[in-house]
């Protein structure tokens, strides 16, 4: 049986391909971990107000504003919308990252026949 040799540059191309795949998986994993941590972070920890340097002095209290009478909704306008209005959903970034990762893996894993 005659040995079959790979064309020149094949191993270099394979190494580059696996390196790019590793980088893509690492970036996607880091982005997923960051999104997970942001989702777990309570909103009260996301912002810390600075320490007060000036003590506020209470001033005169303004009287409450009178309540405005709202006309009945006629079904038109920006404030009148039916309860069965269509809801526009936005896909999550994690799902888009998984789709992009899958397409990238397919592009790198094409068969050389």
PDB file of N, CA and C in Angstrom:
ATOM      1  N   UNK A   1       0.832  -1.168   0.000  1.00  0.00           N
ATOM      2  CA  UNK A   1       0.000   0.000   0.000  1.00  0.00           C
ATOM      3  C   UNK A   1       0.884   1.241   0.000  1.00  0.00           C
ATOM      4  N   UNK A   2       0.602   2.131  -0.907  1.00  0.00           N
ATOM      5  CA  UNK A   2       1.391   3.346  -1.064  1.00  0.00           C
ATOM      6  C   UNK A   2       0.909   4.395  -0.061  1.00  0.00           C
ATOM      7  N   UNK A   3       1.848   5.006   0.710  1.00  0.00           N
ATOM      8  CA  UNK A   3       1.409   6.024   1.676  1.00  0.00           C
ATOM      9  C   UNK A   3       0.898   7.268   0.965  1.00  0.00           C
ATOM     10  N   UNK A   4      -0.113   7.859   1.561  1.00  0.00           N
ATOM     11  CA  UNK A   4      -0.715   9.072   1.014  1.00  0.00           C
ATOM     12  C   UNK A   4      -0.256  10.266   1.848  1.00  0.00           C
ATOM     13  N   UNK A   5       0.306  11.264   1.232  1.00  0.00           N
ATOM     14  CA  UNK A   5       0.839  12.419   1.938  1.00  0.00           C
ATOM     15  C   UNK A   5      -0.141  13.586   1.839  1.00  0.00           C
ATOM     16  N   UNK A   6      -0.147  14.374   2.881  1.00  0.00           N
ATOM     17  CA  UNK A   6      -0.990  15.571   2.883  1.00  0.00           C
ATOM     18  C   UNK A   6      -0.326  16.654   2.046  1.00  0.00           C
ATOM     19  N   UNK A   7      -1.122  17.481   1.404  1.00  0.00           N
ATOM     20  CA  UNK A   7      -0.520  18.578   0.648  1.00  0.00           C
ATOM     21  C   UNK A   7       0.204  19.548   1.572  1.00  0.00           C
ATOM     22  N   UNK A   8       1.209  20.261   1.048  1.00  0.00           N
ATOM     23  CA  UNK A   8       1.947  21.197   1.897  1.00  0.00           C
ATOM     24  C   UNK A   8       1.020  22.283   2.461  1.00  0.00           C
ATOM     25  N   UNK A   9       1.226  22.638   3.711  1.00  0.00           N
ATOM     26  CA  UNK A   9       0.449  23.691   4.357  1.00  0.00           C
ATOM     27  C   UNK A   9      -0.809  23.206   5.042  1.00  0.00           C
ATOM     28  N   UNK A  10      -1.119  21.908   4.957  1.00  0.00           N
ATOM     29  CA  UNK A  10      -2.360  21.403   5.555  1.00  0.00           C
ATOM     30  C   UNK A  10      -2.322  21.495   7.075  1.00  0.00           C
ATOM     31  N   UNK A  11      -1.200  21.093   7.674  1.00  0.00           N
ATOM     32  CA  UNK A  11      -1.124  21.128   9.138  1.00  0.00           C
ATOM     33  C   UNK A  11      -1.169  22.558   9.661  1.00  0.00           C
ATOM     34  N   UNK A  12      -0.557  23.487   8.946  1.00  0.00           N
ATOM     35  CA  UNK A  12      -0.621  24.889   9.362  1.00  0.00           C
ATOM     36  C   UNK A  12      -2.058  25.377   9.312  1.00  0.00           C
ATOM     37  N   UNK A  13      -2.773  25.030   8.242  1.00  0.00           N
ATOM     38  CA  UNK A  13      -4.176  25.448   8.122  1.00  0.00           C
ATOM     39  C   UNK A  13      -5.018  24.840   9.234  1.00  0.00           C
ATOM     40  N   UNK A  14      -4.779  23.583   9.570  1.00  0.00           N
ATOM     41  CA  UNK A  14      -5.547  22.949  10.645  1.00  0.00           C
ATOM     42  C   UNK A  14      -5.257  23.625  11.982  1.00  0.00           C
ATOM     43  N   UNK A  15      -3.992  23.959  12.224  1.00  0.00           N
ATOM     44  CA  UNK A  15      -3.654  24.638  13.483  1.00  0.00           C
ATOM     45  C   UNK A  15      -4.334  26.006  13.572  1.00  0.00           C
ATOM     46  N   UNK A  16      -4.346  26.733  12.466  1.00  0.00           N
ATOM     47  CA  UNK A  16      -5.001  28.051  12.447  1.00  0.00           C
ATOM     48  C   UNK A  16      -6.493  27.896  12.673  1.00  0.00           C
ATOM     49  N   UNK A  17      -7.085  26.900  12.045  1.00  0.00           N
ATOM     50  CA  UNK A  17      -8.518  26.665  12.201  1.00  0.00           C
ATOM     51  C   UNK A  17      -8.882  26.360  13.650  1.00  0.00           C
ATOM     52  N   UNK A  18      -8.118  25.483  14.293  1.00  0.00           N
ATOM     53  CA  UNK A  18      -8.414  25.141  15.683  1.00  0.00           C
ATOM     54  C   UNK A  18      -8.153  26.315  16.616  1.00  0.00           C
ATOM     55  N   UNK A  19      -7.142  27.126  16.296  1.00  0.00           N
ATOM     56  CA  UNK A  19      -6.894  28.316  17.099  1.00  0.00           C
ATOM     57  C   UNK A  19      -8.069  29.284  17.007  1.00  0.00           C
ATOM     58  N   UNK A  20      -8.566  29.510  15.789  1.00  0.00           N
ATOM     59  CA  UNK A  20      -9.708  30.418  15.621  1.00  0.00           C
ATOM     60  C   UNK A  20     -10.957  29.867  16.311  1.00  0.00           C
ATOM     61  N   UNK A  21     -11.157  28.554  16.228  1.00  0.00           N
ATOM     62  CA  UNK A  21     -12.306  27.954  16.905  1.00  0.00           C
ATOM     63  C   UNK A  21     -12.179  28.111  18.422  1.00  0.00           C
ATOM     64  N   UNK A  22     -10.970  27.922  18.955  1.00  0.00           N
ATOM     65  CA  UNK A  22     -10.763  28.103  20.397  1.00  0.00           C
ATOM     66  C   UNK A  22     -11.003  29.531  20.837  1.00  0.00           C
ATOM     67  N   UNK A  23     -10.564  30.485  20.016  1.00  0.00           N
ATOM     68  CA  UNK A  23     -10.801  31.890  20.345  1.00  0.00           C
ATOM     69  C   UNK A  23     -12.294  32.196  20.319  1.00  0.00           C
ATOM     70  N   UNK A  24     -13.003  31.685  19.301  1.00  0.00           N
ATOM     71  CA  UNK A  24     -14.445  31.930  19.209  1.00  0.00           C
ATOM     72  C   UNK A  24     -15.184  31.339  20.400  1.00  0.00           C
ATOM     73  N   UNK A  25     -14.805  30.126  20.796  1.00  0.00           N
ATOM     74  CA  UNK A  25     -15.468  29.491  21.944  1.00  0.00           C
ATOM     75  C   UNK A  25     -15.140  30.257  23.225  1.00  0.00           C
ATOM     76  N   UNK A  26     -13.907  30.725  23.363  1.00  0.00           N
ATOM     77  CA  UNK A  26     -13.530  31.488  24.553  1.00  0.00           C
ATOM     78  C   UNK A  26     -14.273  32.804  24.654  1.00  0.00           C
ATOM     79  N   UNK A  27     -14.390  33.508  23.523  1.00  0.00           N
ATOM     80  CA  UNK A  27     -15.109  34.791  23.525  1.00  0.00           C
ATOM     81  C   UNK A  27     -16.585  34.571  23.829  1.00  0.00           C
ATOM     82  N   UNK A  28     -17.170  33.530  23.211  1.00  0.00           N
ATOM     83  CA  UNK A  28     -18.585  33.249  23.464  1.00  0.00           C
ATOM     84  C   UNK A  28     -18.803  32.844  24.922  1.00  0.00           C
ATOM     85  N   UNK A  29     -17.890  32.063  25.466  1.00  0.00           N
ATOM     86  CA  UNK A  29     -18.019  31.664  26.874  1.00  0.00           C
ATOM     87  C   UNK A  29     -17.891  32.848  27.813  1.00  0.00           C
ATOM     88  N   UNK A  30     -16.944  33.745  27.527  1.00  0.00           N
ATOM     89  CA  UNK A  30     -16.779  34.930  28.374  1.00  0.00           C
ATOM     90  C   UNK A  30     -17.998  35.841  28.282  1.00  0.00           C
ATOM     91  N   UNK A  31     -18.549  35.995  27.063  1.00  0.00           N
ATOM     92  CA  UNK A  31     -19.749  36.825  26.913  1.00  0.00           C
ATOM     93  C   UNK A  31     -20.931  36.200  27.647  1.00  0.00           C
ATOM     94  N   UNK A  32     -21.073  34.885  27.538  1.00  0.00           N
ATOM     95  CA  UNK A  32     -22.162  34.204  28.248  1.00  0.00           C
ATOM     96  C   UNK A  32     -22.019  34.333  29.749  1.00  0.00           C
ATOM     97  N   UNK A  33     -20.798  34.190  30.257  1.00  0.00           N
ATOM     98  CA  UNK A  33     -20.569  34.325  31.694  1.00  0.00           C
ATOM     99  C   UNK A  33     -20.863  35.751  32.155  1.00  0.00           C
ATOM    100  N   UNK A  34     -20.473  36.741  31.360  1.00  0.00           N
ATOM    101  CA  UNK A  34     -20.746  38.135  31.719  1.00  0.00           C
ATOM    102  C   UNK A  34     -22.244  38.402  31.757  1.00  0.00           C
ATOM    103  N   UNK A  35     -22.986  37.886  30.765  1.00  0.00           N
ATOM    104  CA  UNK A  35     -24.439  38.085  30.759  1.00  0.00           C
ATOM    105  C   UNK A  35     -25.089  37.382  31.948  1.00  0.00           C
ATOM    106  N   UNK A  36     -24.577  36.199  32.315  1.00  0.00           N
ATOM    107  CA  UNK A  36     -25.111  35.462  33.457  1.00  0.00           C
ATOM    108  C   UNK A  36     -24.877  36.242  34.750  1.00  0.00           C
ATOM    109  N   UNK A  37     -23.676  36.797  34.905  1.00  0.00           N
ATOM    110  CA  UNK A  37     -23.388  37.552  36.119  1.00  0.00           C
ATOM    111  C   UNK A  37     -24.203  38.836  36.198  1.00  0.00           C
ATOM    112  N   UNK A  38     -24.421  39.490  35.065  1.00  0.00           N
ATOM    113  CA  UNK A  38     -25.242  40.702  35.058  1.00  0.00           C
ATOM    114  C   UNK A  38     -26.682  40.354  35.431  1.00  0.00           C
ATOM    115  N   UNK A  39     -27.170  39.198  34.973  1.00  0.00           N
ATOM    116  CA  UNK A  39     -28.538  38.798  35.304  1.00  0.00           C
ATOM    117  C   UNK A  39     -28.675  38.468  36.785  1.00  0.00           C
ATOM    118  N   UNK A  40     -27.600  37.971  37.403  1.00  0.00           N
ATOM    119  CA  UNK A  40     -27.663  37.616  38.820  1.00  0.00           C
ATOM    120  C   UNK A  40     -27.468  38.814  39.748  1.00  0.00           C
ATOM    121  N   UNK A  41     -26.822  39.854  39.250  1.00  0.00           N
ATOM    122  CA  UNK A  41     -26.508  41.015  40.078  1.00  0.00           C
ATOM    123  C   UNK A  41     -27.788  41.765  40.453  1.00  0.00           C
ATOM    124  N   UNK A  42     -28.061  41.920  41.726  1.00  0.00           N
ATOM    125  CA  UNK A  42     -29.258  42.672  42.110  1.00  0.00           C
ATOM    126  C   UNK A  42     -29.140  44.132  41.666  1.00  0.00           C
ATOM    127  N   UNK A  43     -30.262  44.748  41.283  1.00  0.00           N
ATOM    128  CA  UNK A  43     -30.197  46.128  40.800  1.00  0.00           C
ATOM    129  C   UNK A  43     -29.650  47.112  41.829  1.00  0.00           C
ATOM    130  N   UNK A  44     -29.856  46.838  43.101  1.00  0.00           N
ATOM    131  CA  UNK A  44     -29.378  47.795  44.091  1.00  0.00           C
ATOM    132  C   UNK A  44     -27.853  47.761  44.223  1.00  0.00           C
ATOM    133  N   UNK A  45     -27.193  46.693  43.737  1.00  0.00           N
ATOM    134  CA  UNK A  45     -25.738  46.647  43.783  1.00  0.00           C
ATOM    135  C   UNK A  45     -25.103  47.208  42.519  1.00  0.00           C
ATOM    136  N   UNK A  46     -25.887  47.426  41.484  1.00  0.00           N
ATOM    137  CA  UNK A  46     -25.345  47.903  40.227  1.00  0.00           C
ATOM    138  C   UNK A  46     -24.913  49.359  40.322  1.00  0.00           C
ATOM    139  N   UNK A  47     -25.529  50.126  41.182  1.00  0.00           N
ATOM    140  CA  UNK A  47     -25.179  51.537  41.310  1.00  0.00           C
ATOM    141  C   UNK A  47     -25.085  51.881  42.788  1.00  0.00           C
ATOM    142  N   UNK A  48     -23.994  52.470  43.144  1.00  0.00           N
ATOM    143  CA  UNK A  48     -23.831  52.944  44.519  1.00  0.00           C
ATOM    144  C   UNK A  48     -23.675  54.457  44.463  1.00  0.00           C
ATOM    145  N   UNK A  49     -24.547  55.153  45.132  1.00  0.00           N
ATOM    146  CA  UNK A  49     -24.473  56.609  45.114  1.00  0.00           C
ATOM    147  C   UNK A  49     -23.268  57.060  45.934  1.00  0.00           C
ATOM    148  N   UNK A  50     -22.646  58.154  45.545  1.00  0.00           N
ATOM    149  CA  UNK A  50     -21.494  58.640  46.308  1.00  0.00           C
ATOM    150  C   UNK A  50     -21.926  59.151  47.682  1.00  0.00           C
ATOM    151  N   UNK A  51     -20.959  59.211  48.560  1.00  0.00           N
ATOM    152  CA  UNK A  51     -21.246  59.699  49.910  1.00  0.00           C
ATOM    153  C   UNK A  51     -21.669  61.166  49.843  1.00  0.00           C
ATOM    154  N   UNK A  52     -22.619  61.501  50.662  1.00  0.00           N
ATOM    155  CA  UNK A  52     -23.127  62.872  50.669  1.00  0.00           C
ATOM    156  C   UNK A  52     -22.080  63.805  51.255  1.00  0.00           C
ATOM    157  N   UNK A  53     -21.789  64.900  50.568  1.00  0.00           N
ATOM    158  CA  UNK A  53     -20.831  65.876  51.071  1.00  0.00           C
ATOM    159  C   UNK A  53     -21.542  67.117  51.608  1.00  0.00           C
ATOM    160  N   UNK A  54     -22.756  67.325  51.173  1.00  0.00           N
ATOM    161  CA  UNK A  54     -23.531  68.484  51.624  1.00  0.00           C
ATOM    162  C   UNK A  54     -24.843  67.959  52.192  1.00  0.00           C
ATOM    163  N   UNK A  55     -25.151  68.404  53.387  1.00  0.00           N
ATOM    164  CA  UNK A  55     -26.414  67.982  53.988  1.00  0.00           C
ATOM    165  C   UNK A  55     -27.515  68.887  53.440  1.00  0.00           C
ATOM    166  N   UNK A  56     -28.540  68.300  52.799  1.00  0.00           N
ATOM    167  CA  UNK A  56     -29.599  69.142  52.241  1.00  0.00           C
ATOM    168  C   UNK A  56     -30.412  69.821  53.338  1.00  0.00           C
ATOM    169  N   UNK A  57     -30.810  71.041  53.062  1.00  0.00           N
ATOM    170  CA  UNK A  57     -31.619  71.819  54.001  1.00  0.00           C
ATOM    171  C   UNK A  57     -33.068  71.729  53.528  1.00  0.00           C
ATOM    172  N   UNK A  58     -33.968  71.300  54.403  1.00  0.00           N
ATOM    173  CA  UNK A  58     -35.365  71.215  53.973  1.00  0.00           C
ATOM    174  C   UNK A  58     -35.918  72.607  53.672  1.00  0.00           C
ATOM    175  N   UNK A  59     -36.610  72.707  52.562  1.00  0.00           N
ATOM    176  CA  UNK A  59     -37.201  73.979  52.162  1.00  0.00           C
ATOM    177  C   UNK A  59     -38.711  73.920  52.312  1.00  0.00           C
ATOM    178  N   UNK A  60     -39.371  74.927  51.786  1.00  0.00           N
ATOM    179  CA  UNK A  60     -40.830  74.918  51.862  1.00  0.00           C
ATOM    180  C   UNK A  60     -41.400  73.768  51.030  1.00  0.00           C
ATOM    181  N   UNK A  61     -42.462  73.204  51.529  1.00  0.00           N
ATOM    182  CA  UNK A  61     -43.115  72.086  50.858  1.00  0.00           C
ATOM    183  C   UNK A  61     -44.127  72.635  49.874  1.00  0.00           C
ATOM    184  N   UNK A  62     -44.019  72.209  48.617  1.00  0.00           N
ATOM    185  CA  UNK A  62     -44.953  72.673  47.588  1.00  0.00           C
ATOM    186  C   UNK A  62     -46.262  71.898  47.716  1.00  0.00           C
ATOM    187  N   UNK A  63     -47.377  72.566  47.481  1.00  0.00           N
ATOM    188  CA  UNK A  63     -48.657  71.837  47.563  1.00  0.00           C
ATOM    189  C   UNK A  63     -48.739  70.835  46.413  1.00  0.00           C
ATOM    190  N   UNK A  64     -49.438  69.737  46.630  1.00  0.00           N
ATOM    191  CA  UNK A  64     -49.542  68.733  45.561  1.00  0.00           C
ATOM    192  C   UNK A  64     -50.307  69.306  44.367  1.00  0.00           C
ATOM    193  N   UNK A  65     -49.921  68.870  43.192  1.00  0.00           N
ATOM    194  CA  UNK A  65     -50.577  69.340  41.967  1.00  0.00           C
ATOM    195  C   UNK A  65     -51.971  68.736  41.886  1.00  0.00           C
ATOM    196  N   UNK A  66     -52.922  69.497  41.362  1.00  0.00           N
ATOM    197  CA  UNK A  66     -54.271  68.938  41.247  1.00  0.00           C
ATOM    198  C   UNK A  66     -54.298  67.805  40.209  1.00  0.00           C
ATOM    199  N   UNK A  67     -55.145  66.843  40.467  1.00  0.00           N
ATOM    200  CA  UNK A  67     -55.261  65.709  39.551  1.00  0.00           C
ATOM    201  C   UNK A  67     -55.953  66.154  38.271  1.00  0.00           C
ATOM    202  N   UNK A  68     -55.432  65.680  37.150  1.00  0.00           N
ATOM    203  CA  UNK A  68     -56.024  66.016  35.866  1.00  0.00           C
ATOM    204  C   UNK A  68     -57.072  64.976  35.491  1.00  0.00           C
ATOM    205  N   UNK A  69     -58.160  65.440  34.932  1.00  0.00           N
ATOM    206  CA  UNK A  69     -59.204  64.515  34.500  1.00  0.00           C
ATOM    207  C   UNK A  69     -58.838  63.993  33.110  1.00  0.00           C
ATOM    208  N   UNK A  70     -58.833  62.666  32.956  1.00  0.00           N
ATOM    209  CA  UNK A  70     -58.505  62.049  31.676  1.00  0.00           C
ATOM    210  C   UNK A  70     -59.798  61.744  30.929  1.00  0.00           C
ATOM    211  N   UNK A  71     -59.866  62.122  29.663  1.00  0.00           N
ATOM    212  CA  UNK A  71     -61.059  61.765  28.885  1.00  0.00           C
ATOM    213  C   UNK A  71     -61.071  60.260  28.631  1.00  0.00           C
ATOM    214  N   UNK A  72     -62.238  59.708  28.355  1.00  0.00           N
ATOM    215  CA  UNK A  72     -62.287  58.265  28.094  1.00  0.00           C
ATOM    216  C   UNK A  72     -61.508  57.925  26.826  1.00  0.00           C
ATOM    217  N   UNK A  73     -60.956  56.741  26.802  1.00  0.00           N
ATOM    218  CA  UNK A  73     -60.132  56.289  25.678  1.00  0.00           C
ATOM    219  C   UNK A  73     -61.031  55.886  24.518  1.00  0.00           C
ATOM    220  N   UNK A  74     -60.754  56.445  23.322  1.00  0.00           N
ATOM    221  CA  UNK A  74     -61.547  56.133  22.136  1.00  0.00           C
ATOM    222  C   UNK A  74     -60.904  55.025  21.302  1.00  0.00           C
ATOM    223  N   UNK A  75     -59.772  54.471  21.771  1.00  0.00           N
ATOM    224  CA  UNK A  75     -59.121  53.390  21.033  1.00  0.00           C
ATOM    225  C   UNK A  75     -58.085  53.867  20.047  1.00  0.00           C
ATOM    226  N   UNK A  76     -57.784  55.147  20.006  1.00  0.00           N
ATOM    227  CA  UNK A  76     -56.770  55.675  19.096  1.00  0.00           C
ATOM    228  C   UNK A  76     -55.836  56.582  19.871  1.00  0.00           C
ATOM    229  N   UNK A  77     -54.640  56.738  19.367  1.00  0.00           N
ATOM    230  CA  UNK A  77     -53.665  57.599  20.028  1.00  0.00           C
ATOM    231  C   UNK A  77     -52.612  56.777  20.742  1.00  0.00           C
ATOM    232  N   UNK A  78     -51.592  57.456  21.228  1.00  0.00           N
ATOM    233  CA  UNK A  78     -50.478  56.729  21.825  1.00  0.00           C
ATOM    234  C   UNK A  78     -50.804  56.175  23.215  1.00  0.00           C
ATOM    235  N   UNK A  79     -51.712  56.786  23.941  1.00  0.00           N
ATOM    236  CA  UNK A  79     -52.025  56.306  25.280  1.00  0.00           C
ATOM    237  C   UNK A  79     -53.154  55.288  25.295  1.00  0.00           C
ATOM    238  N   UNK A  80     -53.866  55.133  24.215  1.00  0.00           N
ATOM    239  CA  UNK A  80     -54.980  54.190  24.153  1.00  0.00           C
ATOM    240  C   UNK A  80     -54.570  53.029  23.255  1.00  0.00           C
ATOM    241  N   UNK A  81     -54.305  51.906  23.838  1.00  0.00           N
ATOM    242  CA  UNK A  81     -53.962  50.731  23.039  1.00  0.00           C
ATOM    243  C   UNK A  81     -54.771  49.550  23.561  1.00  0.00           C
ATOM    244  N   UNK A  82     -55.261  48.705  22.663  1.00  0.00           N
ATOM    245  CA  UNK A  82     -56.040  47.545  23.107  1.00  0.00           C
ATOM    246  C   UNK A  82     -55.150  46.551  23.836  1.00  0.00           C
ATOM    247  N   UNK A  83     -55.771  45.733  24.670  1.00  0.00           N
ATOM    248  CA  UNK A  83     -55.010  44.744  25.435  1.00  0.00           C
ATOM    249  C   UNK A  83     -54.470  43.632  24.556  1.00  0.00           C
ATOM    250  N   UNK A  84     -55.069  43.398  23.407  1.00  0.00           N
ATOM    251  CA  UNK A  84     -54.605  42.318  22.535  1.00  0.00           C
ATOM    252  C   UNK A  84     -53.697  42.844  21.422  1.00  0.00           C
ATOM    253  N   UNK A  85     -52.985  43.929  21.688  1.00  0.00           N
ATOM    254  CA  UNK A  85     -52.063  44.490  20.702  1.00  0.00           C
ATOM    255  C   UNK A  85     -50.908  43.513  20.494  1.00  0.00           C
ATOM    256  N   UNK A  86     -50.340  43.453  19.283  1.00  0.00           N
ATOM    257  CA  UNK A  86     -49.229  42.516  19.049  1.00  0.00           C
ATOM    258  C   UNK A  86     -48.008  42.904  19.883  1.00  0.00           C
ATOM    259  N   UNK A  87     -47.344  41.897  20.399  1.00  0.00           N
ATOM    260  CA  UNK A  87     -46.168  42.103  21.227  1.00  0.00           C
ATOM    261  C   UNK A  87     -44.943  41.825  20.370  1.00  0.00           C
ATOM    262  N   UNK A  88     -44.023  42.749  20.321  1.00  0.00           N
ATOM    263  CA  UNK A  88     -42.794  42.572  19.553  1.00  0.00           C
ATOM    264  C   UNK A  88     -41.723  42.037  20.496  1.00  0.00           C
ATOM    265  N   UNK A  89     -41.268  40.834  20.252  1.00  0.00           N
ATOM    266  CA  UNK A  89     -40.244  40.239  21.101  1.00  0.00           C
ATOM    267  C   UNK A  89     -38.872  40.454  20.476  1.00  0.00           C
ATOM    268  N   UNK A  90     -37.894  40.597  21.318  1.00  0.00           N
ATOM    269  CA  UNK A  90     -36.515  40.773  20.884  1.00  0.00           C
ATOM    270  C   UNK A  90     -35.742  39.536  21.320  1.00  0.00           C
ATOM    271  N   UNK A  91     -34.998  38.894  20.407  1.00  0.00           N
ATOM    272  CA  UNK A  91     -34.266  37.689  20.808  1.00  0.00           C
ATOM    273  C   UNK A  91     -33.166  38.024  21.816  1.00  0.00           C
ATOM    274  N   UNK A  92     -32.881  37.062  22.658  1.00  0.00           N
ATOM    275  CA  UNK A  92     -31.866  37.273  23.679  1.00  0.00           C
ATOM    276  C   UNK A  92     -30.478  37.248  23.050  1.00  0.00           C
ATOM    277  N   UNK A  93     -29.528  37.998  23.615  1.00  0.00           N
ATOM    278  CA  UNK A  93     -28.175  37.992  23.049  1.00  0.00           C
ATOM    279  C   UNK A  93     -27.508  36.631  23.134  1.00  0.00           C
ATOM    280  N   UNK A  94     -27.849  35.850  24.158  1.00  0.00           N
ATOM    281  CA  UNK A  94     -27.242  34.525  24.279  1.00  0.00           C
ATOM    282  C   UNK A  94     -27.648  33.617  23.133  1.00  0.00           C
ATOM    283  N   UNK A  95     -28.900  33.688  22.716  1.00  0.00           N
ATOM    284  CA  UNK A  95     -29.353  32.865  21.602  1.00  0.00           C
ATOM    285  C   UNK A  95     -28.668  33.297  20.309  1.00  0.00           C
ATOM    286  N   UNK A  96     -28.506  34.605  20.109  1.00  0.00           N
ATOM    287  CA  UNK A  96     -27.815  35.090  18.918  1.00  0.00           C
ATOM    288  C   UNK A  96     -26.347  34.671  18.938  1.00  0.00           C
ATOM    289  N   UNK A  97     -25.727  34.664  20.109  1.00  0.00           N
ATOM    290  CA  UNK A  97     -24.329  34.236  20.211  1.00  0.00           C
ATOM    291  C   UNK A  97     -24.200  32.757  19.878  1.00  0.00           C
ATOM    292  N   UNK A  98     -25.149  31.937  20.328  1.00  0.00           N
ATOM    293  CA  UNK A  98     -25.107  30.510  20.005  1.00  0.00           C
ATOM    294  C   UNK A  98     -25.297  30.271  18.516  1.00  0.00           C
ATOM    295  N   UNK A  99     -26.188  31.018  17.889  1.00  0.00           N
ATOM    296  CA  UNK A  99     -26.384  30.874  16.441  1.00  0.00           C
ATOM    297  C   UNK A  99     -25.113  31.273  15.708  1.00  0.00           C
ATOM    298  N   UNK A 100     -24.495  32.376  16.108  1.00  0.00           N
ATOM    299  CA  UNK A 100     -23.260  32.820  15.459  1.00  0.00           C
ATOM    300  C   UNK A 100     -22.136  31.805  15.670  1.00  0.00           C
ATOM    301  N   UNK A 101     -22.049  31.223  16.857  1.00  0.00           N
ATOM    302  CA  UNK A 101     -21.034  30.221  17.133  1.00  0.00           C
ATOM    303  C   UNK A 101     -21.255  28.978  16.281  1.00  0.00           C
ATOM    304  N   UNK A 102     -22.500  28.562  16.133  1.00  0.00           N
ATOM    305  CA  UNK A 102     -22.795  27.399  15.300  1.00  0.00           C
ATOM    306  C   UNK A 102     -22.467  27.645  13.841  1.00  0.00           C
ATOM    307  N   UNK A 103     -22.802  28.825  13.335  1.00  0.00           N
ATOM    308  CA  UNK A 103     -22.478  29.140  11.941  1.00  0.00           C
ATOM    309  C   UNK A 103     -20.962  29.218  11.734  1.00  0.00           C
ATOM    310  N   UNK A 104     -20.248  29.753  12.704  1.00  0.00           N
ATOM    311  CA  UNK A 104     -18.802  29.807  12.597  1.00  0.00           C
ATOM    312  C   UNK A 104     -18.172  28.421  12.623  1.00  0.00           C
ATOM    313  N   UNK A 105     -18.709  27.541  13.483  1.00  0.00           N
ATOM    314  CA  UNK A 105     -18.205  26.174  13.533  1.00  0.00           C
ATOM    315  C   UNK A 105     -18.491  25.441  12.228  1.00  0.00           C
ATOM    316  N   UNK A 106     -19.654  25.665  11.651  1.00  0.00           N
ATOM    317  CA  UNK A 106     -19.964  25.041  10.358  1.00  0.00           C
ATOM    318  C   UNK A 106     -19.025  25.544   9.259  1.00  0.00           C
ATOM    319  N   UNK A 107     -18.718  26.818   9.291  1.00  0.00           N
ATOM    320  CA  UNK A 107     -17.823  27.371   8.276  1.00  0.00           C
ATOM    321  C   UNK A 107     -16.409  26.801   8.426  1.00  0.00           C
ATOM    322  N   UNK A 108     -15.977  26.589   9.662  1.00  0.00           N
ATOM    323  CA  UNK A 108     -14.634  26.027   9.881  1.00  0.00           C
ATOM    324  C   UNK A 108     -14.582  24.528   9.642  1.00  0.00           C
ATOM    325  N   UNK A 109     -15.697  23.860   9.750  1.00  0.00           N
ATOM    326  CA  UNK A 109     -15.715  22.394   9.693  1.00  0.00           C
ATOM    327  C   UNK A 109     -16.174  21.879   8.320  1.00  0.00           C
ATOM    328  N   UNK A 110     -16.058  22.672   7.306  1.00  0.00           N
ATOM    329  CA  UNK A 110     -16.465  22.198   5.990  1.00  0.00           C
ATOM    330  C   UNK A 110     -15.517  21.090   5.550  1.00  0.00           C
ATOM    331  N   UNK A 111     -16.025  20.132   4.837  1.00  0.00           N
ATOM    332  CA  UNK A 111     -15.210  18.974   4.456  1.00  0.00           C
ATOM    333  C   UNK A 111     -14.394  19.282   3.215  1.00  0.00           C
ATOM    334  N   UNK A 112     -13.161  18.829   3.213  1.00  0.00           N
ATOM    335  CA  UNK A 112     -12.258  19.005   2.058  1.00  0.00           C
ATOM    336  C   UNK A 112     -12.183  17.685   1.337  1.00  0.00           C
ATOM    337  N   UNK A 113     -13.049  17.491   0.370  1.00  0.00           N
ATOM    338  CA  UNK A 113     -13.047  16.238  -0.388  1.00  0.00           C
ATOM    339  C   UNK A 113     -12.543  16.431  -1.787  1.00  0.00           C
TER     340      UNK A 113
END
